[in-house]
Amino acid sequence: MTNRICEILNIEKPIVQGPMSWITNAEFVAAVSNAGGLGFLGPNAGQIDTTRSPEISAERMRAEVQKLKSLTDKPFGIPVIVHSDLAYTWPILEMVIEEKVPVVIVNGILDERIFKPLKENNIKIIYRPLTPTIKDAKAAEESGVDVYVATGFDEGGSVPERVIGTFSIVPMIADAINIPVMAAGGIGDVRGVRAAFALGAEGVFAGSVFIPTKENPAAENVKQMIVNATAEDLLMFRTLPAYYRSLPTQLAYKLVEMDNQGVSREEIAKKMVGSIGMRIGMLEGNTDEGYISIGTGITPIKEIRTVKEVVDTLMQDFN
């Protein structure tokens, strides 16, 4: 069994692992691709500290890409983060082309200056806006995007600005455009996969379900917290650009308290320390000073499995 997602991305099973910032590395991503899906290196893949230099960031990613190539001959991808001035974007884009990365994910900005060189080098473009809309989806299709990710409010990470659940956003987008749509947000088992396909998706884009796996670099206590938790345990608070979820940590409780007190989104975001709070909480396992970003689809996750077991279970209709 195959479909347009598999054909476009040259993968066996229509599942893409989200580029989860700090909690990806070459070994983990290779496991996803080797299992038949499409693995993605996150912006901080394999790293333990940050850099403000676009050039250093690109070279770090190049090293991780080369390591990944030694572990799999299957397709994989990396994110190309687009800013208005493109200063951060160009070094990554040049590296992507030089290393012949087969797929990229672009978040939020449709920029012809980026799309043109990608297409000239036959690099497939997955487009995932923070907040999917019909207007944006049509613009993406017109821009030549290969695959569009429809993300519902159920997701982990930066939650969409509009409170529209995955079950509502997927058919809305799928009915509006002709290019294939992937569903993201709240997919924790095969029932979610089947529901996404019934609603018009041709693939699933998943993050949380891949964290409690043996190959994922997240801290072991974090993996166990996810396995032991349900969606009822999640805390939610305002931040930039909209909302965020976390499993209970001391920092997460503080962020909820600040939200309840009417503190500005800007101040709450400052307290989170951006993605560094994720590194502290999820990579280092420090639940006092970090947060644990997760989506609402965690309830069915009951054990720490291998990546292959996760892919095979979610994609059992494609085995």
C-alpha atoms as a PDB file:
ATOM      1  CA  MET A   1       0.000   0.000   0.000  1.00  0.00           C
ATOM      2  CA  THR A   2       1.339   3.412  -0.954  1.00  0.00           C
ATOM      3  CA  ASN A   3       0.076   6.942  -1.545  1.00  0.00           C
ATOM      4  CA  ARG A   4       1.200  10.388  -2.698  1.00  0.00           C
ATOM      5  CA  ILE A   5       3.095  11.153   0.519  1.00  0.00           C
ATOM      6  CA  CYS A   6       5.164   7.982   0.143  1.00  0.00           C
ATOM      7  CA  GLU A   7       5.830   8.680  -3.517  1.00  0.00           C
ATOM      8  CA  ILE A   8       6.785  12.341  -3.059  1.00  0.00           C
ATOM      9  CA  LEU A   9       9.067  11.731  -0.067  1.00  0.00           C
ATOM     10  CA  ASN A  10      10.337   8.351  -1.322  1.00  0.00           C
ATOM     11  CA  ILE A  11       9.399   6.580   1.928  1.00  0.00           C
ATOM     12  CA  GLU A  12       7.697   3.287   2.683  1.00  0.00           C
ATOM     13  CA  LYS A  13       5.172   4.510   5.247  1.00  0.00           C
ATOM     14  CA  PRO A  14       3.432   7.902   5.354  1.00  0.00           C
ATOM     15  CA  ILE A  15       4.729   9.053   8.728  1.00  0.00           C
ATOM     16  CA  VAL A  16       7.057  11.971   9.414  1.00  0.00           C
ATOM     17  CA  GLN A  17       8.790  12.486  12.751  1.00  0.00           C
ATOM     18  CA  GLY A  18       8.709  16.125  13.792  1.00  0.00           C
ATOM     19  CA  PRO A  19      12.031  17.993  14.202  1.00  0.00           C
ATOM     20  CA  MET A  20      11.835  18.317  17.989  1.00  0.00           C
ATOM     21  CA  SER A  21      14.635  20.808  18.583  1.00  0.00           C
ATOM     22  CA  TRP A  22      17.036  19.371  21.196  1.00  0.00           C
ATOM     23  CA  ILE A  23      15.605  15.878  21.421  1.00  0.00           C
ATOM     24  CA  THR A  24      16.780  14.546  18.084  1.00  0.00           C
ATOM     25  CA  ASN A  25      20.159  13.304  16.907  1.00  0.00           C
ATOM     26  CA  ALA A  26      21.559  11.264  14.038  1.00  0.00           C
ATOM     27  CA  GLU A  27      20.985   7.883  15.717  1.00  0.00           C
ATOM     28  CA  PHE A  28      17.354   8.618  16.542  1.00  0.00           C
ATOM     29  CA  VAL A  29      16.509  10.091  13.130  1.00  0.00           C
ATOM     30  CA  ALA A  30      18.213   7.193  11.343  1.00  0.00           C
ATOM     31  CA  ALA A  31      16.042   4.794  13.338  1.00  0.00           C
ATOM     32  CA  VAL A  32      12.897   6.538  12.084  1.00  0.00           C
ATOM     33  CA  SER A  33      14.039   6.522   8.461  1.00  0.00           C
ATOM     34  CA  ASN A  34      15.258   2.911   8.668  1.00  0.00           C
ATOM     35  CA  ALA A  35      11.842   1.924  10.020  1.00  0.00           C
ATOM     36  CA  GLY A  36      10.234   3.246   6.834  1.00  0.00           C
ATOM     37  CA  GLY A  37       9.198   6.734   7.899  1.00  0.00           C
ATOM     38  CA  LEU A  38      10.898  10.086   7.406  1.00  0.00           C
ATOM     39  CA  GLY A  39      13.167  11.195  10.239  1.00  0.00           C
ATOM     40  CA  PHE A  40      13.974  14.861  10.845  1.00  0.00           C
ATOM     41  CA  LEU A  41      16.948  16.379  12.602  1.00  0.00           C
ATOM     42  CA  GLY A  42      15.849  19.206  14.877  1.00  0.00           C
ATOM     43  CA  PRO A  43      17.440  22.681  14.830  1.00  0.00           C
ATOM     44  CA  ASN A  44      19.644  21.686  17.804  1.00  0.00           C
ATOM     45  CA  ALA A  45      20.092  18.025  16.877  1.00  0.00           C
ATOM     46  CA  GLY A  46      22.916  16.348  18.742  1.00  0.00           C
ATOM     47  CA  GLN A  47      23.836  19.539  20.596  1.00  0.00           C
ATOM     48  CA  ILE A  48      24.073  20.418  24.281  1.00  0.00           C
ATOM     49  CA  ASP A  49      24.522  24.182  24.003  1.00  0.00           C
ATOM     50  CA  THR A  50      23.415  27.058  21.796  1.00  0.00           C
ATOM     51  CA  THR A  51      25.196  29.311  19.360  1.00  0.00           C
ATOM     52  CA  ARG A  52      24.150  32.668  17.946  1.00  0.00           C
ATOM     53  CA  SER A  53      26.271  32.195  14.841  1.00  0.00           C
ATOM     54  CA  PRO A  54      24.376  31.069  11.709  1.00  0.00           C
ATOM     55  CA  GLU A  55      27.613  29.714  10.265  1.00  0.00           C
ATOM     56  CA  ILE A  56      28.485  27.661  13.338  1.00  0.00           C
ATOM     57  CA  SER A  57      24.922  26.395  13.497  1.00  0.00           C
ATOM     58  CA  ALA A  58      25.097  25.301   9.857  1.00  0.00           C
ATOM     59  CA  GLU A  59      28.405  23.485  10.384  1.00  0.00           C
ATOM     60  CA  ARG A  60      27.066  21.717  13.463  1.00  0.00           C
ATOM     61  CA  MET A  61      24.084  20.583  11.422  1.00  0.00           C
ATOM     62  CA  ARG A  62      26.377  19.484   8.592  1.00  0.00           C
ATOM     63  CA  ALA A  63      28.288  17.244  11.006  1.00  0.00           C
ATOM     64  CA  GLU A  64      25.041  15.683  12.219  1.00  0.00           C
ATOM     65  CA  VAL A  65      23.817  15.231   8.623  1.00  0.00           C
ATOM     66  CA  GLN A  66      27.044  13.457   7.675  1.00  0.00           C
ATOM     67  CA  LYS A  67      26.779  11.212  10.709  1.00  0.00           C
ATOM     68  CA  LEU A  68      23.176  10.454   9.796  1.00  0.00           C
ATOM     69  CA  LYS A  69      24.209   9.502   6.260  1.00  0.00           C
ATOM     70  CA  SER A  70      26.577   6.919   7.722  1.00  0.00           C
ATOM     71  CA  LEU A  71      23.655   5.333   9.589  1.00  0.00           C
ATOM     72  CA  THR A  72      21.009   5.181   6.874  1.00  0.00           C
ATOM     73  CA  ASP A  73      20.644   5.255   3.115  1.00  0.00           C
ATOM     74  CA  LYS A  74      16.983   6.243   3.479  1.00  0.00           C
ATOM     75  CA  PRO A  75      15.556   9.748   2.993  1.00  0.00           C
ATOM     76  CA  PHE A  76      15.618  12.196   5.911  1.00  0.00           C
ATOM     77  CA  GLY A  77      15.094  15.878   6.405  1.00  0.00           C
ATOM     78  CA  ILE A  78      16.111  19.003   8.278  1.00  0.00           C
ATOM     79  CA  PRO A  79      14.216  22.219   9.019  1.00  0.00           C
ATOM     80  CA  VAL A  80      15.001  25.426   7.172  1.00  0.00           C
ATOM     81  CA  ILE A  81      13.953  28.197   9.524  1.00  0.00           C
ATOM     82  CA  VAL A  82      12.983  31.233   7.484  1.00  0.00           C
ATOM     83  CA  HIS A  83      13.342  34.735   8.919  1.00  0.00           C
ATOM     84  CA  SER A  84      12.494  37.928   7.072  1.00  0.00           C
ATOM     85  CA  ASP A  85      16.140  38.941   6.568  1.00  0.00           C
ATOM     86  CA  LEU A  86      17.295  35.352   5.793  1.00  0.00           C
ATOM     87  CA  ALA A  87      20.597  35.906   7.649  1.00  0.00           C
ATOM     88  CA  TYR A  88      20.126  32.695   9.626  1.00  0.00           C
ATOM     89  CA  THR A  89      18.559  30.871   6.705  1.00  0.00           C
ATOM     90  CA  TRP A  90      21.201  31.097   3.948  1.00  0.00           C
ATOM     91  CA  PRO A  91      24.002  29.123   5.658  1.00  0.00           C
ATOM     92  CA  ILE A  92      21.591  26.279   6.428  1.00  0.00           C
ATOM     93  CA  LEU A  93      20.153  26.396   2.909  1.00  0.00           C
ATOM     94  CA  GLU A  94      23.609  26.235   1.338  1.00  0.00           C
ATOM     95  CA  MET A  95      24.517  23.275   3.543  1.00  0.00           C
ATOM     96  CA  VAL A  96      21.279  21.487   2.607  1.00  0.00           C
ATOM     97  CA  ILE A  97      22.101  21.815  -1.077  1.00  0.00           C
ATOM     98  CA  GLU A  98      25.756  20.854  -0.681  1.00  0.00           C
ATOM     99  CA  GLU A  99      24.901  17.769   1.399  1.00  0.00           C
ATOM    100  CA  LYS A 100      22.043  16.786  -0.915  1.00  0.00           C
ATOM    101  CA  VAL A 101      19.497  16.614   1.903  1.00  0.00           C
ATOM    102  CA  PRO A 102      16.395  15.139   0.221  1.00  0.00           C
ATOM    103  CA  VAL A 103      13.645  16.889   2.218  1.00  0.00           C
ATOM    104  CA  VAL A 104      13.257  20.107   4.195  1.00  0.00           C
ATOM    105  CA  ILE A 105      10.511  21.449   6.378  1.00  0.00           C
ATOM    106  CA  VAL A 106       9.752  25.152   6.190  1.00  0.00           C
ATOM    107  CA  ASN A 107       7.890  26.764   9.068  1.00  0.00           C
ATOM    108  CA  GLY A 108       5.540  29.636   8.572  1.00  0.00           C
ATOM    109  CA  ILE A 109       6.980  31.864   5.823  1.00  0.00           C
ATOM    110  CA  LEU A 110       6.450  31.354   2.106  1.00  0.00           C
ATOM    111  CA  ASP A 111       9.510  32.923   0.519  1.00  0.00           C
ATOM    112  CA  GLU A 112      10.283  32.444  -3.171  1.00  0.00           C
ATOM    113  CA  ARG A 113      13.953  33.225  -2.494  1.00  0.00           C
ATOM    114  CA  ILE A 114      14.104  30.002  -0.468  1.00  0.00           C
ATOM    115  CA  PHE A 115      11.837  27.848  -2.611  1.00  0.00           C
ATOM    116  CA  LYS A 116      13.594  28.533  -5.913  1.00  0.00           C
ATOM    117  CA  PRO A 117      17.005  27.019  -5.014  1.00  0.00           C
ATOM    118  CA  LEU A 118      15.335  24.117  -3.204  1.00  0.00           C
ATOM    119  CA  LYS A 119      13.278  23.230  -6.261  1.00  0.00           C
ATOM    120  CA  GLU A 120      16.222  23.692  -8.611  1.00  0.00           C
ATOM    121  CA  ASN A 121      18.023  21.020  -6.574  1.00  0.00           C
ATOM    122  CA  ASN A 122      15.002  18.687  -6.441  1.00  0.00           C
ATOM    123  CA  ILE A 123      14.653  19.025  -2.666  1.00  0.00           C
ATOM    124  CA  LYS A 124      11.126  18.281  -1.468  1.00  0.00           C
ATOM    125  CA  ILE A 125       9.400  20.922   0.660  1.00  0.00           C
ATOM    126  CA  ILE A 126       7.129  20.088   3.581  1.00  0.00           C
ATOM    127  CA  TYR A 127       5.416  23.272   4.745  1.00  0.00           C
ATOM    128  CA  ARG A 128       4.144  23.541   8.307  1.00  0.00           C
ATOM    129  CA  PRO A 129       2.752  26.878   9.446  1.00  0.00           C
ATOM    130  CA  LEU A 130       2.200  27.485  13.149  1.00  0.00           C
ATOM    131  CA  THR A 131      -1.477  28.207  12.482  1.00  0.00           C
ATOM    132  CA  PRO A 132      -2.894  26.577   9.343  1.00  0.00           C
ATOM    133  CA  THR A 133      -5.585  28.491   7.460  1.00  0.00           C
ATOM    134  CA  ILE A 134      -7.383  27.998   4.164  1.00  0.00           C
ATOM    135  CA  LYS A 135      -5.786  31.162   2.769  1.00  0.00           C
ATOM    136  CA  ASP A 136      -2.305  30.054   3.809  1.00  0.00           C
ATOM    137  CA  ALA A 137      -2.825  26.544   2.438  1.00  0.00           C
ATOM    138  CA  LYS A 138      -3.843  27.894  -0.962  1.00  0.00           C
ATOM    139  CA  ALA A 139      -0.851  30.236  -0.988  1.00  0.00           C
ATOM    140  CA  ALA A 140       1.448  27.337  -0.124  1.00  0.00           C
ATOM    141  CA  GLU A 141       0.034  25.251  -2.948  1.00  0.00           C
ATOM    142  CA  GLU A 142       0.537  28.163  -5.349  1.00  0.00           C
ATOM    143  CA  SER A 143       4.138  28.512  -4.136  1.00  0.00           C
ATOM    144  CA  GLY A 144       4.913  24.925  -5.094  1.00  0.00           C
ATOM    145  CA  VAL A 145       4.969  23.271  -1.676  1.00  0.00           C
ATOM    146  CA  ASP A 146       5.024  19.468  -1.988  1.00  0.00           C
ATOM    147  CA  VAL A 147       3.272  18.545   1.267  1.00  0.00           C
ATOM    148  CA  TYR A 148       1.232  20.676   3.682  1.00  0.00           C
ATOM    149  CA  VAL A 149       1.029  19.894   7.404  1.00  0.00           C
ATOM    150  CA  ALA A 150      -2.309  20.710   9.027  1.00  0.00           C
ATOM    151  CA  THR A 151      -1.594  21.136  12.736  1.00  0.00           C
ATOM    152  CA  GLY A 152      -4.401  21.014  15.251  1.00  0.00           C
ATOM    153  CA  PHE A 153      -4.596  22.566  18.709  1.00  0.00           C
ATOM    154  CA  ASP A 154      -3.865  19.087  20.126  1.00  0.00           C
ATOM    155  CA  GLU A 155      -0.158  19.316  19.343  1.00  0.00           C
ATOM    156  CA  GLY A 156       2.827  19.697  21.637  1.00  0.00           C
ATOM    157  CA  GLY A 157       5.280  22.576  21.331  1.00  0.00           C
ATOM    158  CA  SER A 158       4.053  26.000  20.228  1.00  0.00           C
ATOM    159  CA  VAL A 159       0.312  25.492  19.910  1.00  0.00           C
ATOM    160  CA  PRO A 160      -1.576  27.172  17.018  1.00  0.00           C
ATOM    161  CA  GLU A 161      -3.059  30.590  17.666  1.00  0.00           C
ATOM    162  CA  ARG A 162      -6.553  29.431  16.732  1.00  0.00           C
ATOM    163  CA  VAL A 163      -8.277  26.898  18.951  1.00  0.00           C
ATOM    164  CA  ILE A 164      -9.199  24.422  16.215  1.00  0.00           C
ATOM    165  CA  GLY A 165      -8.618  20.749  16.958  1.00  0.00           C
ATOM    166  CA  THR A 166      -6.907  18.283  14.648  1.00  0.00           C
ATOM    167  CA  PHE A 167     -10.199  16.610  13.746  1.00  0.00           C
ATOM    168  CA  SER A 168     -11.529  19.961  12.492  1.00  0.00           C
ATOM    169  CA  ILE A 169      -8.434  21.420  10.847  1.00  0.00           C
ATOM    170  CA  VAL A 170      -7.496  18.370   8.747  1.00  0.00           C
ATOM    171  CA  PRO A 171     -10.695  18.122   6.649  1.00  0.00           C
ATOM    172  CA  MET A 172     -10.851  21.921   6.370  1.00  0.00           C
ATOM    173  CA  ILE A 173      -7.397  22.060   4.789  1.00  0.00           C
ATOM    174  CA  ALA A 174      -7.708  18.821   2.812  1.00  0.00           C
ATOM    175  CA  ASP A 175     -10.863  20.126   1.149  1.00  0.00           C
ATOM    176  CA  ALA A 176      -9.203  23.433   0.249  1.00  0.00           C
ATOM    177  CA  ILE A 177      -6.098  22.257  -1.638  1.00  0.00           C
ATOM    178  CA  ASN A 178      -5.040  19.523  -4.034  1.00  0.00           C
ATOM    179  CA  ILE A 179      -1.555  18.783  -2.702  1.00  0.00           C
ATOM    180  CA  PRO A 180      -1.310  16.055  -0.039  1.00  0.00           C
ATOM    181  CA  VAL A 181      -1.994  16.995   3.574  1.00  0.00           C
ATOM    182  CA  MET A 182      -0.432  15.510   6.702  1.00  0.00           C
ATOM    183  CA  ALA A 183      -2.221  15.593  10.064  1.00  0.00           C
ATOM    184  CA  ALA A 184      -0.349  16.794  13.148  1.00  0.00           C
ATOM    185  CA  GLY A 185      -1.452  16.987  16.743  1.00  0.00           C
ATOM    186  CA  GLY A 186      -2.673  14.439  19.266  1.00  0.00           C
ATOM    187  CA  ILE A 187      -1.872  11.243  17.344  1.00  0.00           C
ATOM    188  CA  GLY A 188      -0.781   8.628  19.871  1.00  0.00           C
ATOM    189  CA  ASP A 189      -1.866   5.296  18.405  1.00  0.00           C
ATOM    190  CA  VAL A 190      -3.227   3.667  15.261  1.00  0.00           C
ATOM    191  CA  ARG A 191      -6.762   4.925  15.975  1.00  0.00           C
ATOM    192  CA  GLY A 192      -5.507   8.471  15.544  1.00  0.00           C
ATOM    193  CA  VAL A 193      -3.780   7.517  12.301  1.00  0.00           C
ATOM    194  CA  ARG A 194      -6.936   5.922  10.922  1.00  0.00           C
ATOM    195  CA  ALA A 195      -9.012   8.916  11.968  1.00  0.00           C
ATOM    196  CA  ALA A 196      -6.580  11.292  10.241  1.00  0.00           C
ATOM    197  CA  PHE A 197      -6.849   9.315   6.996  1.00  0.00           C
ATOM    198  CA  ALA A 198     -10.634   9.181   7.260  1.00  0.00           C
ATOM    199  CA  LEU A 199     -10.634  12.988   7.483  1.00  0.00           C
ATOM    200  CA  GLY A 200      -8.611  13.466   4.318  1.00  0.00           C
ATOM    201  CA  ALA A 201      -4.977  13.309   5.451  1.00  0.00           C
ATOM    202  CA  GLU A 202      -2.528  11.199   3.459  1.00  0.00           C
ATOM    203  CA  GLY A 203       0.042  10.971   6.225  1.00  0.00           C
ATOM    204  CA  VAL A 204       0.737  11.804   9.852  1.00  0.00           C
ATOM    205  CA  PHE A 205       3.299  14.141  11.350  1.00  0.00           C
ATOM    206  CA  ALA A 206       4.129  13.000  14.886  1.00  0.00           C
ATOM    207  CA  GLY A 207       6.361  14.131  17.725  1.00  0.00           C
ATOM    208  CA  SER A 208       5.290  13.170  21.233  1.00  0.00           C
ATOM    209  CA  VAL A 209       4.849   9.477  20.447  1.00  0.00           C
ATOM    210  CA  PHE A 210       8.513   9.262  19.395  1.00  0.00           C
ATOM    211  CA  ILE A 211       9.956  10.748  22.599  1.00  0.00           C
ATOM    212  CA  PRO A 212       9.538   7.722  24.911  1.00  0.00           C
ATOM    213  CA  THR A 213      11.599   5.479  22.632  1.00  0.00           C
ATOM    214  CA  LYS A 214      14.882   3.748  23.335  1.00  0.00           C
ATOM    215  CA  GLU A 215      16.715   5.680  20.614  1.00  0.00           C
ATOM    216  CA  ASN A 216      15.454   9.156  21.539  1.00  0.00           C
ATOM    217  CA  PRO A 217      18.004  11.324  23.405  1.00  0.00           C
ATOM    218  CA  ALA A 218      15.440  12.641  25.932  1.00  0.00           C
ATOM    219  CA  ALA A 219      16.259  11.989  29.588  1.00  0.00           C
ATOM    220  CA  GLU A 220      15.025   8.650  30.928  1.00  0.00           C
ATOM    221  CA  ASN A 221      12.977  10.279  33.714  1.00  0.00           C
ATOM    222  CA  VAL A 222      11.173  12.349  31.070  1.00  0.00           C
ATOM    223  CA  LYS A 223      10.358   9.255  29.023  1.00  0.00           C
ATOM    224  CA  GLN A 224       8.955   7.602  32.134  1.00  0.00           C
ATOM    225  CA  MET A 225       6.884  10.688  32.982  1.00  0.00           C
ATOM    226  CA  ILE A 226       5.306  10.540  29.525  1.00  0.00           C
ATOM    227  CA  VAL A 227       4.530   6.830  29.838  1.00  0.00           C
ATOM    228  CA  ASN A 228       2.936   7.405  33.259  1.00  0.00           C
ATOM    229  CA  ALA A 229       0.923  10.490  32.238  1.00  0.00           C
ATOM    230  CA  THR A 230      -2.366  11.112  30.470  1.00  0.00           C
ATOM    231  CA  ALA A 231      -3.659  14.194  28.684  1.00  0.00           C
ATOM    232  CA  GLU A 232      -5.366  15.174  31.948  1.00  0.00           C
ATOM    233  CA  ASP A 233      -1.965  15.853  33.508  1.00  0.00           C
ATOM    234  CA  LEU A 234      -0.936  18.521  31.008  1.00  0.00           C
ATOM    235  CA  LEU A 235      -0.587  22.138  32.059  1.00  0.00           C
ATOM    236  CA  MET A 236      -1.343  24.950  29.609  1.00  0.00           C
ATOM    237  CA  PHE A 237      -0.359  28.608  29.649  1.00  0.00           C
ATOM    238  CA  ARG A 238      -0.142  31.654  27.421  1.00  0.00           C
ATOM    239  CA  THR A 239       3.198  32.608  25.918  1.00  0.00           C
ATOM    240  CA  LEU A 240       4.584  33.862  22.620  1.00  0.00           C
ATOM    241  CA  PRO A 241       3.248  33.469  20.035  1.00  0.00           C
ATOM    242  CA  ALA A 242       0.124  31.907  21.560  1.00  0.00           C
ATOM    243  CA  TYR A 243      -0.016  28.950  23.979  1.00  0.00           C
ATOM    244  CA  TYR A 244       2.160  26.129  25.277  1.00  0.00           C
ATOM    245  CA  ARG A 245       1.722  22.799  27.057  1.00  0.00           C
ATOM    246  CA  SER A 246       3.963  21.003  29.522  1.00  0.00           C
ATOM    247  CA  LEU A 247       3.839  18.044  31.824  1.00  0.00           C
ATOM    248  CA  PRO A 248       3.961  19.215  35.455  1.00  0.00           C
ATOM    249  CA  THR A 249       7.337  20.667  36.448  1.00  0.00           C
ATOM    250  CA  GLN A 250       8.175  23.402  38.929  1.00  0.00           C
ATOM    251  CA  LEU A 251       8.792  25.803  36.049  1.00  0.00           C
ATOM    252  CA  ALA A 252       5.533  24.825  34.325  1.00  0.00           C
ATOM    253  CA  TYR A 253       3.551  25.473  37.517  1.00  0.00           C
ATOM    254  CA  LYS A 254       5.226  28.877  37.782  1.00  0.00           C
ATOM    255  CA  LEU A 255       4.337  29.700  34.163  1.00  0.00           C
ATOM    256  CA  VAL A 256       0.688  28.748  34.784  1.00  0.00           C
ATOM    257  CA  GLU A 257       0.691  30.915  37.900  1.00  0.00           C
ATOM    258  CA  MET A 258       2.065  33.862  35.935  1.00  0.00           C
ATOM    259  CA  ASP A 259      -0.614  33.325  33.303  1.00  0.00           C
ATOM    260  CA  ASN A 260      -3.363  33.268  35.945  1.00  0.00           C
ATOM    261  CA  GLN A 261      -2.015  36.508  37.377  1.00  0.00           C
ATOM    262  CA  GLY A 262      -2.355  38.198  33.994  1.00  0.00           C
ATOM    263  CA  VAL A 263       1.367  38.527  33.325  1.00  0.00           C
ATOM    264  CA  SER A 264       2.082  39.417  29.684  1.00  0.00           C
ATOM    265  CA  ARG A 265       2.894  36.794  27.087  1.00  0.00           C
ATOM    266  CA  GLU A 266       6.268  38.482  26.641  1.00  0.00           C
ATOM    267  CA  GLU A 267       7.185  38.063  30.315  1.00  0.00           C
ATOM    268  CA  ILE A 268       6.038  34.431  30.370  1.00  0.00           C
ATOM    269  CA  ALA A 269       8.098  33.705  27.244  1.00  0.00           C
ATOM    270  CA  LYS A 270      11.109  35.332  28.897  1.00  0.00           C
ATOM    271  CA  LYS A 271      10.668  33.089  31.946  1.00  0.00           C
ATOM    272  CA  MET A 272      10.604  30.024  29.648  1.00  0.00           C
ATOM    273  CA  VAL A 273      14.026  31.033  28.266  1.00  0.00           C
ATOM    274  CA  GLY A 274      12.882  29.942  24.810  1.00  0.00           C
ATOM    275  CA  SER A 275      13.929  26.487  23.675  1.00  0.00           C
ATOM    276  CA  ILE A 276      16.630  26.413  26.355  1.00  0.00           C
ATOM    277  CA  GLY A 277      13.855  25.559  28.808  1.00  0.00           C
ATOM    278  CA  MET A 278      13.157  22.489  26.675  1.00  0.00           C
ATOM    279  CA  ARG A 279      16.807  21.488  26.696  1.00  0.00           C
ATOM    280  CA  ILE A 280      16.941  21.781  30.487  1.00  0.00           C
ATOM    281  CA  GLY A 281      13.689  19.916  31.025  1.00  0.00           C
ATOM    282  CA  MET A 282      13.696  17.275  28.302  1.00  0.00           C
ATOM    283  CA  LEU A 283      17.329  16.641  27.386  1.00  0.00           C
ATOM    284  CA  GLU A 284      18.840  17.117  30.845  1.00  0.00           C
ATOM    285  CA  GLY A 285      15.777  15.863  32.743  1.00  0.00           C
ATOM    286  CA  ASN A 286      15.797  18.827  35.134  1.00  0.00           C
ATOM    287  CA  THR A 287      12.122  19.156  36.038  1.00  0.00           C
ATOM    288  CA  ASP A 288      12.788  21.985  38.486  1.00  0.00           C
ATOM    289  CA  GLU A 289      14.144  24.466  35.951  1.00  0.00           C
ATOM    290  CA  GLY A 290      12.820  23.202  32.609  1.00  0.00           C
ATOM    291  CA  TYR A 291       9.550  22.286  30.940  1.00  0.00           C
ATOM    292  CA  ILE A 292       8.402  19.128  29.137  1.00  0.00           C
ATOM    293  CA  SER A 293       6.654  19.935  25.876  1.00  0.00           C
ATOM    294  CA  ILE A 294       4.142  17.298  24.876  1.00  0.00           C
ATOM    295  CA  GLY A 295       0.855  16.945  22.984  1.00  0.00           C
ATOM    296  CA  THR A 296      -2.540  15.636  24.028  1.00  0.00           C
ATOM    297  CA  GLY A 297      -2.071  12.264  22.316  1.00  0.00           C
ATOM    298  CA  ILE A 298       0.057  10.809  25.107  1.00  0.00           C
ATOM    299  CA  THR A 299      -2.674   8.868  26.939  1.00  0.00           C
ATOM    300  CA  PRO A 300      -2.275   5.617  24.908  1.00  0.00           C
ATOM    301  CA  ILE A 301       1.517   5.620  25.316  1.00  0.00           C
ATOM    302  CA  LYS A 302       2.082   2.995  28.017  1.00  0.00           C
ATOM    303  CA  GLU A 303       5.665   1.817  27.575  1.00  0.00           C
ATOM    304  CA  ILE A 304       9.077   2.809  26.289  1.00  0.00           C
ATOM    305  CA  ARG A 305       9.451   1.127  22.907  1.00  0.00           C
ATOM    306  CA  THR A 306      11.883   1.095  20.009  1.00  0.00           C
ATOM    307  CA  VAL A 307      11.325   3.547  17.168  1.00  0.00           C
ATOM    308  CA  LYS A 308      10.578   0.625  14.853  1.00  0.00           C
ATOM    309  CA  GLU A 309       7.872  -0.634  17.192  1.00  0.00           C
ATOM    310  CA  VAL A 310       6.257   2.810  17.206  1.00  0.00           C
ATOM    311  CA  VAL A 311       6.368   3.128  13.410  1.00  0.00           C
ATOM    312  CA  ASP A 312       5.128  -0.426  12.838  1.00  0.00           C
ATOM    313  CA  THR A 313       2.257   0.019  15.290  1.00  0.00           C
ATOM    314  CA  LEU A 314       1.106   3.393  13.986  1.00  0.00           C
ATOM    315  CA  MET A 315       1.555   2.333  10.354  1.00  0.00           C
ATOM    316  CA  GLN A 316       0.225  -1.211  10.668  1.00  0.00           C
ATOM    317  CA  ASP A 317      -2.210  -0.600   7.797  1.00  0.00           C
ATOM    318  CA  PHE A 318       0.823   0.016   5.565  1.00  0.00           C
ATOM    319  CA  ASN A 319       2.862  -3.047   6.599  1.00  0.00           C
END
